[in-house]
Amino acid sequence: MVDIFTSTFSSNSLGSSVDRLIKWNNAKFSFVILNVDGSCLGSPARAGYGELIRNNSGFYLSGFSGFIKESYDIMIAELYAIYQGLTLAKDLAVEELVCYSDSLLCINLLKGLIVKYHVHAVLIQDIKELISQSNVTLCHTLGEENQCVNFLAKLGASADADILIHVSPPKYILDLLRSDSCGTFY
């Protein structure tokens, strides 16, 4: 019993932590990169989503943000961001795509077996169909690697438009885009 308590409360769990350097992830793939995020803000909560398409060097190709009326469900915001992002990539004729989301739950739902009785089963199935029609790789990312699109998701939640396509990047994320393309660590 003493050994169990000792290992449970070892020096690593008592406050000595290992710092991890994190940056926007573009090194693994030479494809077009789609970052997506959902957001719920305020009281009463407003749900929004954002998407950002870049090449693997960080060059901005397209982006959008949007508001989901009468919803405060973060999961629907995250899934809807993936759906809208894949739809936009399809409309732009992107052939090979890596999609990064910071929602591990959504990634696992989409990579797992068909879920018939989930509250968002129809949207999940629609996303799976989009994935099956193209060469898409789904990956989980940490929030620190997803800062640009997090800004767009919050912009969507605070706006009243269902979808705003940003042909050029909003001026407020230009510094974040530069930091990502330079490989700045957080």
N, C-alpha and C. Protein backbone atom coordinates (compact mmCIF):
# COMPACT_ATOMS: atom_id res chain seq x y z
N MET A 1 0.82 -1.18 0.00
CA MET A 1 0.00 0.00 0.00
C MET A 1 0.87 1.26 0.00
N VAL A 2 1.97 1.22 0.74
CA VAL A 2 2.89 2.35 0.78
C VAL A 2 3.46 2.60 -0.61
N ASP A 3 3.81 1.54 -1.32
CA ASP A 3 4.35 1.68 -2.68
C ASP A 3 3.34 2.33 -3.62
N ILE A 4 2.07 1.96 -3.48
CA ILE A 4 1.03 2.53 -4.34
C ILE A 4 0.90 4.03 -4.07
N PHE A 5 0.85 4.41 -2.78
CA PHE A 5 0.75 5.83 -2.45
C PHE A 5 2.00 6.60 -2.89
N THR A 6 3.15 5.99 -2.73
CA THR A 6 4.39 6.64 -3.12
C THR A 6 4.43 6.88 -4.62
N SER A 7 4.03 5.87 -5.40
CA SER A 7 4.05 6.05 -6.86
C SER A 7 2.96 7.01 -7.32
N THR A 8 1.84 7.02 -6.61
CA THR A 8 0.76 7.93 -6.97
C THR A 8 1.15 9.38 -6.75
N PHE A 9 1.85 9.64 -5.66
CA PHE A 9 2.25 10.99 -5.32
C PHE A 9 3.75 11.19 -5.51
N SER A 10 4.27 10.66 -6.61
CA SER A 10 5.70 10.81 -6.89
C SER A 10 6.02 12.27 -7.19
N SER A 11 7.28 12.58 -7.28
CA SER A 11 7.70 13.98 -7.48
C SER A 11 7.14 14.58 -8.76
N ASN A 12 6.87 13.76 -9.78
CA ASN A 12 6.31 14.30 -11.02
C ASN A 12 4.88 14.78 -10.83
N SER A 13 4.13 14.14 -9.93
CA SER A 13 2.75 14.56 -9.75
C SER A 13 2.60 15.64 -8.68
N LEU A 14 3.68 15.98 -7.99
CA LEU A 14 3.59 16.98 -6.94
C LEU A 14 4.00 18.38 -7.38
N GLY A 15 4.06 18.63 -8.64
CA GLY A 15 4.32 19.99 -9.07
C GLY A 15 5.48 20.14 -10.02
N SER A 16 6.37 19.16 -10.11
CA SER A 16 7.44 19.31 -11.10
C SER A 16 6.88 18.82 -12.43
N SER A 17 6.73 19.72 -13.33
CA SER A 17 6.17 19.36 -14.63
C SER A 17 7.21 19.59 -15.72
N VAL A 18 6.96 18.94 -16.82
CA VAL A 18 7.84 19.07 -17.97
C VAL A 18 7.18 20.03 -18.95
N ASP A 19 7.86 21.11 -19.30
CA ASP A 19 7.32 22.05 -20.27
C ASP A 19 7.38 21.42 -21.66
N ARG A 20 6.35 21.69 -22.44
CA ARG A 20 6.29 21.20 -23.81
C ARG A 20 6.19 22.39 -24.73
N LEU A 21 7.04 22.44 -25.73
CA LEU A 21 6.97 23.51 -26.73
C LEU A 21 6.01 23.09 -27.83
N ILE A 22 5.08 23.98 -28.16
CA ILE A 22 4.03 23.67 -29.12
C ILE A 22 4.01 24.74 -30.19
N LYS A 23 3.83 24.29 -31.45
CA LYS A 23 3.69 25.24 -32.56
C LYS A 23 2.67 24.70 -33.55
N TRP A 24 2.26 25.56 -34.47
CA TRP A 24 1.32 25.15 -35.51
C TRP A 24 1.93 23.99 -36.26
N ASN A 25 1.14 22.94 -36.44
CA ASN A 25 1.66 21.69 -36.98
C ASN A 25 1.50 21.64 -38.50
N ASN A 26 2.60 21.85 -39.21
CA ASN A 26 2.57 21.72 -40.66
C ASN A 26 3.66 20.80 -41.18
N ALA A 27 4.47 20.28 -40.30
CA ALA A 27 5.66 19.54 -40.73
C ALA A 27 5.37 18.12 -41.19
N LYS A 28 4.31 17.52 -40.74
CA LYS A 28 4.07 16.12 -41.06
C LYS A 28 3.53 15.91 -42.47
N PHE A 29 2.88 16.89 -43.03
CA PHE A 29 2.16 16.69 -44.28
C PHE A 29 2.53 17.77 -45.30
N SER A 30 2.48 17.40 -46.56
CA SER A 30 2.71 18.38 -47.62
C SER A 30 1.39 18.76 -48.29
N PHE A 31 0.29 18.43 -47.67
CA PHE A 31 -1.03 18.71 -48.20
C PHE A 31 -1.52 20.09 -47.78
N VAL A 32 -2.71 20.42 -48.25
CA VAL A 32 -3.41 21.60 -47.77
C VAL A 32 -3.89 21.30 -46.35
N ILE A 33 -3.82 22.30 -45.48
CA ILE A 33 -4.16 22.09 -44.07
C ILE A 33 -5.41 22.89 -43.72
N LEU A 34 -6.35 22.19 -43.11
CA LEU A 34 -7.60 22.78 -42.65
C LEU A 34 -7.61 22.74 -41.13
N ASN A 35 -7.67 23.90 -40.50
CA ASN A 35 -7.84 23.98 -39.05
C ASN A 35 -9.27 24.42 -38.78
N VAL A 36 -9.93 23.75 -37.84
CA VAL A 36 -11.32 24.06 -37.52
C VAL A 36 -11.46 24.20 -36.01
N ASP A 37 -12.47 24.97 -35.59
CA ASP A 37 -12.74 25.11 -34.17
C ASP A 37 -14.18 25.59 -33.97
N GLY A 38 -14.73 25.25 -32.83
CA GLY A 38 -16.03 25.73 -32.42
C GLY A 38 -15.87 26.53 -31.14
N SER A 39 -16.86 27.37 -30.84
CA SER A 39 -16.77 28.21 -29.66
C SER A 39 -18.16 28.51 -29.13
N CYS A 40 -18.27 28.61 -27.82
CA CYS A 40 -19.49 29.08 -27.17
C CYS A 40 -19.09 30.23 -26.26
N LEU A 41 -19.75 31.36 -26.44
CA LEU A 41 -19.41 32.57 -25.69
C LEU A 41 -20.63 33.16 -25.03
N GLY A 42 -20.39 33.85 -23.92
CA GLY A 42 -21.41 34.71 -23.33
C GLY A 42 -22.45 34.00 -22.49
N SER A 43 -23.36 34.81 -21.99
CA SER A 43 -24.48 34.33 -21.21
C SER A 43 -25.69 35.15 -21.60
N PRO A 44 -26.67 34.64 -22.26
CA PRO A 44 -26.77 33.24 -22.68
C PRO A 44 -25.72 32.93 -23.75
N ALA A 45 -25.33 31.67 -23.79
CA ALA A 45 -24.25 31.25 -24.69
C ALA A 45 -24.66 31.36 -26.15
N ARG A 46 -23.67 31.72 -26.96
CA ARG A 46 -23.83 31.79 -28.40
C ARG A 46 -22.78 30.87 -29.01
N ALA A 47 -23.21 29.99 -29.91
CA ALA A 47 -22.28 29.05 -30.53
C ALA A 47 -21.82 29.60 -31.87
N GLY A 48 -20.55 29.40 -32.14
CA GLY A 48 -19.98 29.80 -33.42
C GLY A 48 -18.91 28.82 -33.84
N TYR A 49 -18.44 28.98 -35.06
CA TYR A 49 -17.42 28.08 -35.60
C TYR A 49 -16.51 28.87 -36.52
N GLY A 50 -15.35 28.29 -36.77
CA GLY A 50 -14.40 28.92 -37.67
C GLY A 50 -13.58 27.88 -38.40
N GLU A 51 -13.03 28.27 -39.53
CA GLU A 51 -12.25 27.37 -40.36
C GLU A 51 -11.18 28.19 -41.05
N LEU A 52 -10.04 27.57 -41.27
CA LEU A 52 -8.92 28.23 -41.92
C LEU A 52 -8.22 27.21 -42.82
N ILE A 53 -8.09 27.54 -44.09
CA ILE A 53 -7.38 26.67 -45.03
C ILE A 53 -6.08 27.36 -45.42
N ARG A 54 -4.96 26.62 -45.22
CA ARG A 54 -3.63 27.13 -45.57
C ARG A 54 -2.85 26.04 -46.28
N ASN A 55 -1.81 26.44 -47.00
CA ASN A 55 -0.90 25.42 -47.50
C ASN A 55 0.04 25.04 -46.37
N ASN A 56 0.92 24.08 -46.61
CA ASN A 56 1.77 23.60 -45.52
C ASN A 56 2.84 24.61 -45.11
N SER A 57 3.00 25.68 -45.87
CA SER A 57 3.92 26.76 -45.47
C SER A 57 3.22 27.83 -44.65
N GLY A 58 1.91 27.71 -44.50
CA GLY A 58 1.16 28.67 -43.70
C GLY A 58 0.51 29.77 -44.52
N PHE A 59 0.59 29.70 -45.86
CA PHE A 59 -0.01 30.72 -46.72
C PHE A 59 -1.53 30.59 -46.67
N TYR A 60 -2.20 31.68 -46.37
CA TYR A 60 -3.65 31.73 -46.23
C TYR A 60 -4.33 31.48 -47.58
N LEU A 61 -5.22 30.50 -47.64
CA LEU A 61 -5.98 30.24 -48.86
C LEU A 61 -7.43 30.68 -48.72
N SER A 62 -8.04 30.38 -47.58
CA SER A 62 -9.43 30.78 -47.36
C SER A 62 -9.77 30.58 -45.88
N GLY A 63 -10.86 31.17 -45.47
CA GLY A 63 -11.34 31.00 -44.11
C GLY A 63 -12.78 31.43 -43.99
N PHE A 64 -13.41 31.03 -42.92
CA PHE A 64 -14.77 31.49 -42.65
C PHE A 64 -15.05 31.45 -41.17
N SER A 65 -16.09 32.12 -40.81
CA SER A 65 -16.60 32.07 -39.45
C SER A 65 -18.11 32.13 -39.55
N GLY A 66 -18.79 31.63 -38.53
CA GLY A 66 -20.24 31.64 -38.57
C GLY A 66 -20.88 31.48 -37.21
N PHE A 67 -22.13 31.82 -37.16
CA PHE A 67 -22.94 31.78 -35.95
C PHE A 67 -23.99 30.69 -36.11
N ILE A 68 -24.20 29.91 -35.06
CA ILE A 68 -25.23 28.86 -35.08
C ILE A 68 -26.39 29.36 -34.23
N LYS A 69 -27.48 29.70 -34.88
CA LYS A 69 -28.65 30.26 -34.19
C LYS A 69 -29.23 29.25 -33.21
N GLU A 70 -29.67 29.77 -32.08
CA GLU A 70 -30.39 29.01 -31.06
C GLU A 70 -29.63 27.76 -30.60
N SER A 71 -28.32 27.88 -30.52
CA SER A 71 -27.52 26.75 -30.03
C SER A 71 -26.46 27.25 -29.05
N TYR A 72 -26.21 26.45 -28.07
CA TYR A 72 -25.13 26.69 -27.13
C TYR A 72 -24.35 25.39 -26.89
N ASP A 73 -24.45 24.48 -27.84
CA ASP A 73 -23.83 23.16 -27.75
C ASP A 73 -22.44 23.21 -28.40
N ILE A 74 -21.39 23.07 -27.60
CA ILE A 74 -20.04 23.15 -28.13
C ILE A 74 -19.75 22.01 -29.09
N MET A 75 -20.34 20.84 -28.86
CA MET A 75 -20.09 19.71 -29.77
C MET A 75 -20.67 19.99 -31.16
N ILE A 76 -21.85 20.56 -31.22
CA ILE A 76 -22.42 20.88 -32.54
C ILE A 76 -21.57 21.94 -33.22
N ALA A 77 -21.02 22.87 -32.45
CA ALA A 77 -20.16 23.90 -33.04
C ALA A 77 -18.88 23.27 -33.60
N GLU A 78 -18.27 22.35 -32.87
CA GLU A 78 -17.05 21.68 -33.33
C GLU A 78 -17.33 20.82 -34.57
N LEU A 79 -18.40 20.04 -34.52
CA LEU A 79 -18.75 19.18 -35.67
C LEU A 79 -19.14 20.02 -36.89
N TYR A 80 -19.89 21.08 -36.65
CA TYR A 80 -20.31 21.94 -37.76
C TYR A 80 -19.11 22.62 -38.42
N ALA A 81 -18.12 22.98 -37.62
CA ALA A 81 -16.89 23.57 -38.17
C ALA A 81 -16.20 22.57 -39.09
N ILE A 82 -16.13 21.32 -38.67
CA ILE A 82 -15.52 20.28 -39.51
C ILE A 82 -16.32 20.11 -40.79
N TYR A 83 -17.64 20.02 -40.66
CA TYR A 83 -18.50 19.84 -41.83
C TYR A 83 -18.34 21.00 -42.82
N GLN A 84 -18.44 22.22 -42.33
CA GLN A 84 -18.34 23.38 -43.21
C GLN A 84 -16.94 23.48 -43.83
N GLY A 85 -15.91 23.16 -43.05
CA GLY A 85 -14.54 23.20 -43.56
C GLY A 85 -14.32 22.20 -44.68
N LEU A 86 -14.81 20.98 -44.49
CA LEU A 86 -14.69 19.95 -45.54
C LEU A 86 -15.50 20.32 -46.78
N THR A 87 -16.66 20.93 -46.56
CA THR A 87 -17.48 21.38 -47.69
C THR A 87 -16.77 22.47 -48.49
N LEU A 88 -16.18 23.44 -47.79
CA LEU A 88 -15.45 24.50 -48.48
C LEU A 88 -14.24 23.94 -49.23
N ALA A 89 -13.52 23.02 -48.61
CA ALA A 89 -12.36 22.40 -49.27
C ALA A 89 -12.80 21.66 -50.53
N LYS A 90 -13.94 21.01 -50.46
CA LYS A 90 -14.48 20.31 -51.65
C LYS A 90 -14.85 21.32 -52.73
N ASP A 91 -15.47 22.43 -52.34
CA ASP A 91 -15.84 23.48 -53.30
C ASP A 91 -14.60 24.11 -53.95
N LEU A 92 -13.49 24.18 -53.19
CA LEU A 92 -12.24 24.73 -53.72
C LEU A 92 -11.43 23.69 -54.49
N ALA A 93 -11.98 22.48 -54.63
CA ALA A 93 -11.34 21.37 -55.36
C ALA A 93 -10.00 20.98 -54.74
N VAL A 94 -9.93 21.00 -53.42
CA VAL A 94 -8.73 20.55 -52.71
C VAL A 94 -8.74 19.02 -52.74
N GLU A 95 -7.66 18.44 -53.29
CA GLU A 95 -7.63 16.99 -53.47
C GLU A 95 -7.11 16.24 -52.25
N GLU A 96 -6.08 16.78 -51.59
CA GLU A 96 -5.52 16.13 -50.41
C GLU A 96 -5.53 17.14 -49.27
N LEU A 97 -6.10 16.72 -48.14
CA LEU A 97 -6.37 17.65 -47.06
C LEU A 97 -6.07 16.99 -45.72
N VAL A 98 -5.47 17.75 -44.83
CA VAL A 98 -5.31 17.34 -43.44
C VAL A 98 -6.17 18.28 -42.61
N CYS A 99 -7.08 17.72 -41.84
CA CYS A 99 -8.01 18.51 -41.02
C CYS A 99 -7.61 18.37 -39.56
N TYR A 100 -7.29 19.50 -38.92
CA TYR A 100 -6.93 19.55 -37.51
C TYR A 100 -8.07 20.16 -36.70
N SER A 101 -8.44 19.46 -35.63
CA SER A 101 -9.43 19.97 -34.68
C SER A 101 -8.89 19.77 -33.28
N ASP A 102 -9.20 20.69 -32.37
CA ASP A 102 -8.77 20.51 -30.99
C ASP A 102 -9.81 19.76 -30.16
N SER A 103 -10.86 19.25 -30.81
CA SER A 103 -11.87 18.44 -30.12
C SER A 103 -11.57 16.96 -30.34
N LEU A 104 -10.91 16.37 -29.37
CA LEU A 104 -10.57 14.95 -29.46
C LEU A 104 -11.83 14.09 -29.50
N LEU A 105 -12.86 14.51 -28.79
CA LEU A 105 -14.12 13.76 -28.80
C LEU A 105 -14.70 13.70 -30.22
N CYS A 106 -14.72 14.81 -30.92
CA CYS A 106 -15.25 14.83 -32.29
C CYS A 106 -14.38 13.98 -33.23
N ILE A 107 -13.08 14.09 -33.11
CA ILE A 107 -12.18 13.29 -33.95
C ILE A 107 -12.44 11.80 -33.71
N ASN A 108 -12.57 11.41 -32.45
CA ASN A 108 -12.83 10.00 -32.14
C ASN A 108 -14.19 9.54 -32.66
N LEU A 109 -15.20 10.40 -32.57
CA LEU A 109 -16.51 10.04 -33.12
C LEU A 109 -16.44 9.83 -34.63
N LEU A 110 -15.67 10.67 -35.30
CA LEU A 110 -15.58 10.59 -36.76
C LEU A 110 -14.71 9.43 -37.24
N LYS A 111 -13.71 9.07 -36.45
CA LYS A 111 -12.84 7.96 -36.82
C LYS A 111 -13.40 6.61 -36.39
N GLY A 112 -14.36 6.62 -35.48
CA GLY A 112 -14.91 5.39 -34.94
C GLY A 112 -16.00 4.79 -35.82
N LEU A 113 -16.63 3.79 -35.27
CA LEU A 113 -17.72 3.10 -35.97
C LEU A 113 -18.92 4.03 -36.13
N ILE A 114 -19.82 3.65 -36.98
CA ILE A 114 -21.05 4.42 -37.19
C ILE A 114 -21.84 4.47 -35.89
N VAL A 115 -22.24 5.67 -35.51
CA VAL A 115 -22.99 5.88 -34.28
C VAL A 115 -24.43 6.18 -34.67
N LYS A 116 -25.32 5.22 -34.44
CA LYS A 116 -26.71 5.38 -34.88
C LYS A 116 -27.54 6.23 -33.93
N TYR A 117 -27.24 6.19 -32.65
CA TYR A 117 -28.13 6.80 -31.67
C TYR A 117 -27.52 8.01 -30.98
N HIS A 118 -26.55 8.62 -31.59
CA HIS A 118 -25.95 9.83 -31.04
C HIS A 118 -26.85 11.01 -31.38
N VAL A 119 -26.90 12.01 -30.52
CA VAL A 119 -27.76 13.17 -30.74
C VAL A 119 -27.39 13.90 -32.05
N HIS A 120 -26.13 13.80 -32.47
CA HIS A 120 -25.68 14.45 -33.70
C HIS A 120 -25.35 13.43 -34.80
N ALA A 121 -26.04 12.29 -34.79
CA ALA A 121 -25.73 11.19 -35.71
C ALA A 121 -25.81 11.59 -37.18
N VAL A 122 -26.77 12.41 -37.53
CA VAL A 122 -26.93 12.81 -38.94
C VAL A 122 -25.74 13.65 -39.39
N LEU A 123 -25.33 14.62 -38.59
CA LEU A 123 -24.18 15.46 -38.93
C LEU A 123 -22.90 14.62 -38.98
N ILE A 124 -22.74 13.72 -38.03
CA ILE A 124 -21.56 12.84 -38.02
C ILE A 124 -21.51 12.01 -39.30
N GLN A 125 -22.65 11.46 -39.71
CA GLN A 125 -22.70 10.66 -40.93
C GLN A 125 -22.42 11.52 -42.17
N ASP A 126 -22.93 12.74 -42.19
CA ASP A 126 -22.66 13.65 -43.32
C ASP A 126 -21.15 13.94 -43.43
N ILE A 127 -20.50 14.14 -42.29
CA ILE A 127 -19.06 14.40 -42.30
C ILE A 127 -18.30 13.16 -42.78
N LYS A 128 -18.71 12.00 -42.31
CA LYS A 128 -18.05 10.75 -42.74
C LYS A 128 -18.20 10.55 -44.25
N GLU A 129 -19.34 10.92 -44.81
CA GLU A 129 -19.52 10.81 -46.27
C GLU A 129 -18.59 11.76 -47.01
N LEU A 130 -18.45 12.99 -46.52
CA LEU A 130 -17.51 13.94 -47.14
C LEU A 130 -16.08 13.39 -47.09
N ILE A 131 -15.71 12.80 -45.97
CA ILE A 131 -14.37 12.25 -45.82
C ILE A 131 -14.15 11.09 -46.79
N SER A 132 -15.18 10.25 -46.97
CA SER A 132 -15.04 9.09 -47.85
C SER A 132 -14.93 9.48 -49.33
N GLN A 133 -15.37 10.67 -49.67
CA GLN A 133 -15.34 11.13 -51.07
C GLN A 133 -14.04 11.81 -51.45
N SER A 134 -13.13 11.97 -50.50
CA SER A 134 -11.87 12.66 -50.81
C SER A 134 -10.74 12.09 -49.95
N ASN A 135 -9.55 12.60 -50.17
CA ASN A 135 -8.39 12.16 -49.42
C ASN A 135 -8.18 13.10 -48.22
N VAL A 136 -8.85 12.79 -47.11
CA VAL A 136 -8.81 13.63 -45.91
C VAL A 136 -8.20 12.83 -44.77
N THR A 137 -7.28 13.45 -44.07
CA THR A 137 -6.72 12.88 -42.85
C THR A 137 -7.19 13.74 -41.68
N LEU A 138 -7.83 13.12 -40.70
CA LEU A 138 -8.28 13.83 -39.50
C LEU A 138 -7.24 13.70 -38.41
N CYS A 139 -6.89 14.80 -37.77
CA CYS A 139 -5.89 14.80 -36.70
C CYS A 139 -6.35 15.67 -35.55
N HIS A 140 -5.96 15.26 -34.36
CA HIS A 140 -6.20 16.09 -33.18
C HIS A 140 -5.03 17.05 -33.02
N THR A 141 -5.32 18.24 -32.57
CA THR A 141 -4.29 19.22 -32.27
C THR A 141 -4.61 19.86 -30.92
N LEU A 142 -3.64 20.46 -30.32
CA LEU A 142 -3.87 21.17 -29.06
C LEU A 142 -4.35 22.59 -29.36
N GLY A 143 -5.01 23.18 -28.40
CA GLY A 143 -5.56 24.52 -28.59
C GLY A 143 -4.50 25.56 -28.93
N GLU A 144 -3.29 25.42 -28.38
CA GLU A 144 -2.22 26.37 -28.66
C GLU A 144 -1.78 26.33 -30.11
N GLU A 145 -2.01 25.19 -30.77
CA GLU A 145 -1.67 25.05 -32.18
C GLU A 145 -2.79 25.55 -33.09
N ASN A 146 -3.88 25.92 -32.50
CA ASN A 146 -5.10 26.24 -33.24
C ASN A 146 -5.57 27.67 -32.97
N GLN A 147 -4.65 28.58 -32.64
CA GLN A 147 -5.03 29.92 -32.19
C GLN A 147 -5.72 30.76 -33.26
N CYS A 148 -5.26 30.67 -34.49
CA CYS A 148 -5.86 31.49 -35.56
C CYS A 148 -7.34 31.15 -35.74
N VAL A 149 -7.62 29.86 -35.83
CA VAL A 149 -9.00 29.45 -36.08
C VAL A 149 -9.84 29.61 -34.81
N ASN A 150 -9.23 29.56 -33.65
CA ASN A 150 -9.94 29.84 -32.42
C ASN A 150 -10.48 31.27 -32.45
N PHE A 151 -9.66 32.19 -32.96
CA PHE A 151 -10.10 33.58 -33.11
C PHE A 151 -11.31 33.64 -34.05
N LEU A 152 -11.24 32.93 -35.18
CA LEU A 152 -12.36 32.95 -36.13
C LEU A 152 -13.62 32.34 -35.53
N ALA A 153 -13.48 31.29 -34.71
CA ALA A 153 -14.66 30.68 -34.07
C ALA A 153 -15.31 31.67 -33.10
N LYS A 154 -14.50 32.39 -32.36
CA LYS A 154 -15.04 33.40 -31.44
C LYS A 154 -15.67 34.55 -32.22
N LEU A 155 -15.08 34.89 -33.35
CA LEU A 155 -15.66 35.91 -34.22
C LEU A 155 -17.03 35.46 -34.71
N GLY A 156 -17.15 34.19 -35.07
CA GLY A 156 -18.43 33.65 -35.52
C GLY A 156 -19.47 33.67 -34.42
N ALA A 157 -19.08 33.30 -33.20
CA ALA A 157 -20.02 33.28 -32.08
C ALA A 157 -20.50 34.67 -31.71
N SER A 158 -19.68 35.68 -31.98
CA SER A 158 -20.07 37.05 -31.62
C SER A 158 -20.77 37.78 -32.76
N ALA A 159 -20.82 37.17 -33.94
CA ALA A 159 -21.48 37.78 -35.10
C ALA A 159 -22.92 37.27 -35.20
N ASP A 160 -23.65 37.80 -36.17
CA ASP A 160 -25.01 37.34 -36.40
C ASP A 160 -25.19 36.65 -37.74
N ALA A 161 -24.11 36.50 -38.51
CA ALA A 161 -24.19 35.88 -39.83
C ALA A 161 -24.03 34.36 -39.72
N ASP A 162 -24.83 33.63 -40.49
CA ASP A 162 -24.71 32.18 -40.50
C ASP A 162 -23.32 31.75 -40.95
N ILE A 163 -22.81 32.44 -41.96
CA ILE A 163 -21.46 32.15 -42.45
C ILE A 163 -20.88 33.40 -43.11
N LEU A 164 -19.64 33.69 -42.77
CA LEU A 164 -18.89 34.77 -43.39
C LEU A 164 -17.63 34.17 -43.99
N ILE A 165 -17.51 34.20 -45.30
CA ILE A 165 -16.30 33.69 -45.94
C ILE A 165 -15.29 34.82 -46.01
N HIS A 166 -14.11 34.55 -45.50
CA HIS A 166 -13.02 35.54 -45.47
C HIS A 166 -12.06 35.23 -46.61
N VAL A 167 -12.22 35.93 -47.73
CA VAL A 167 -11.36 35.72 -48.89
C VAL A 167 -9.92 36.06 -48.54
N SER A 168 -9.74 37.09 -47.75
CA SER A 168 -8.41 37.43 -47.22
C SER A 168 -8.52 37.39 -45.70
N PRO A 169 -7.41 37.18 -45.01
CA PRO A 169 -7.49 37.04 -43.55
C PRO A 169 -7.92 38.33 -42.87
N PRO A 170 -8.76 38.22 -41.85
CA PRO A 170 -9.10 39.41 -41.06
C PRO A 170 -7.82 39.99 -40.44
N LYS A 171 -7.75 41.31 -40.36
CA LYS A 171 -6.51 41.96 -39.93
C LYS A 171 -6.09 41.55 -38.53
N TYR A 172 -7.03 41.12 -37.70
CA TYR A 172 -6.70 40.77 -36.32
C TYR A 172 -5.94 39.45 -36.19
N ILE A 173 -5.93 38.62 -37.24
CA ILE A 173 -5.18 37.36 -37.13
C ILE A 173 -3.88 37.38 -37.94
N LEU A 174 -3.55 38.50 -38.55
CA LEU A 174 -2.33 38.54 -39.36
C LEU A 174 -1.08 38.21 -38.55
N ASP A 175 -0.97 38.74 -37.34
CA ASP A 175 0.20 38.43 -36.50
C ASP A 175 0.23 36.95 -36.12
N LEU A 176 -0.93 36.38 -35.83
CA LEU A 176 -0.99 34.95 -35.50
C LEU A 176 -0.59 34.09 -36.70
N LEU A 177 -1.06 34.47 -37.89
CA LEU A 177 -0.68 33.74 -39.11
C LEU A 177 0.83 33.80 -39.34
N ARG A 178 1.41 34.98 -39.15
CA ARG A 178 2.86 35.13 -39.30
C ARG A 178 3.61 34.25 -38.31
N SER A 179 3.15 34.24 -37.08
CA SER A 179 3.80 33.41 -36.05
C SER A 179 3.72 31.93 -36.41
N ASP A 180 2.56 31.50 -36.90
CA ASP A 180 2.41 30.10 -37.31
C ASP A 180 3.36 29.74 -38.44
N SER A 181 3.39 30.59 -39.48
CA SER A 181 4.22 30.27 -40.65
C SER A 181 5.71 30.34 -40.32
N CYS A 182 6.09 31.12 -39.31
CA CYS A 182 7.50 31.19 -38.88
C CYS A 182 7.87 30.06 -37.95
N GLY A 183 6.89 29.32 -37.46
CA GLY A 183 7.17 28.21 -36.55
C GLY A 183 7.41 28.63 -35.12
N THR A 184 6.74 29.70 -34.69
CA THR A 184 6.89 30.20 -33.32
C THR A 184 6.37 29.17 -32.32
N PHE A 185 7.17 28.92 -31.30
CA PHE A 185 6.78 27.97 -30.25
C PHE A 185 6.03 28.67 -29.14
N TYR A 186 5.10 27.98 -28.54
CA TYR A 186 4.33 28.46 -27.38
C TYR A 186 4.55 27.51 -26.23
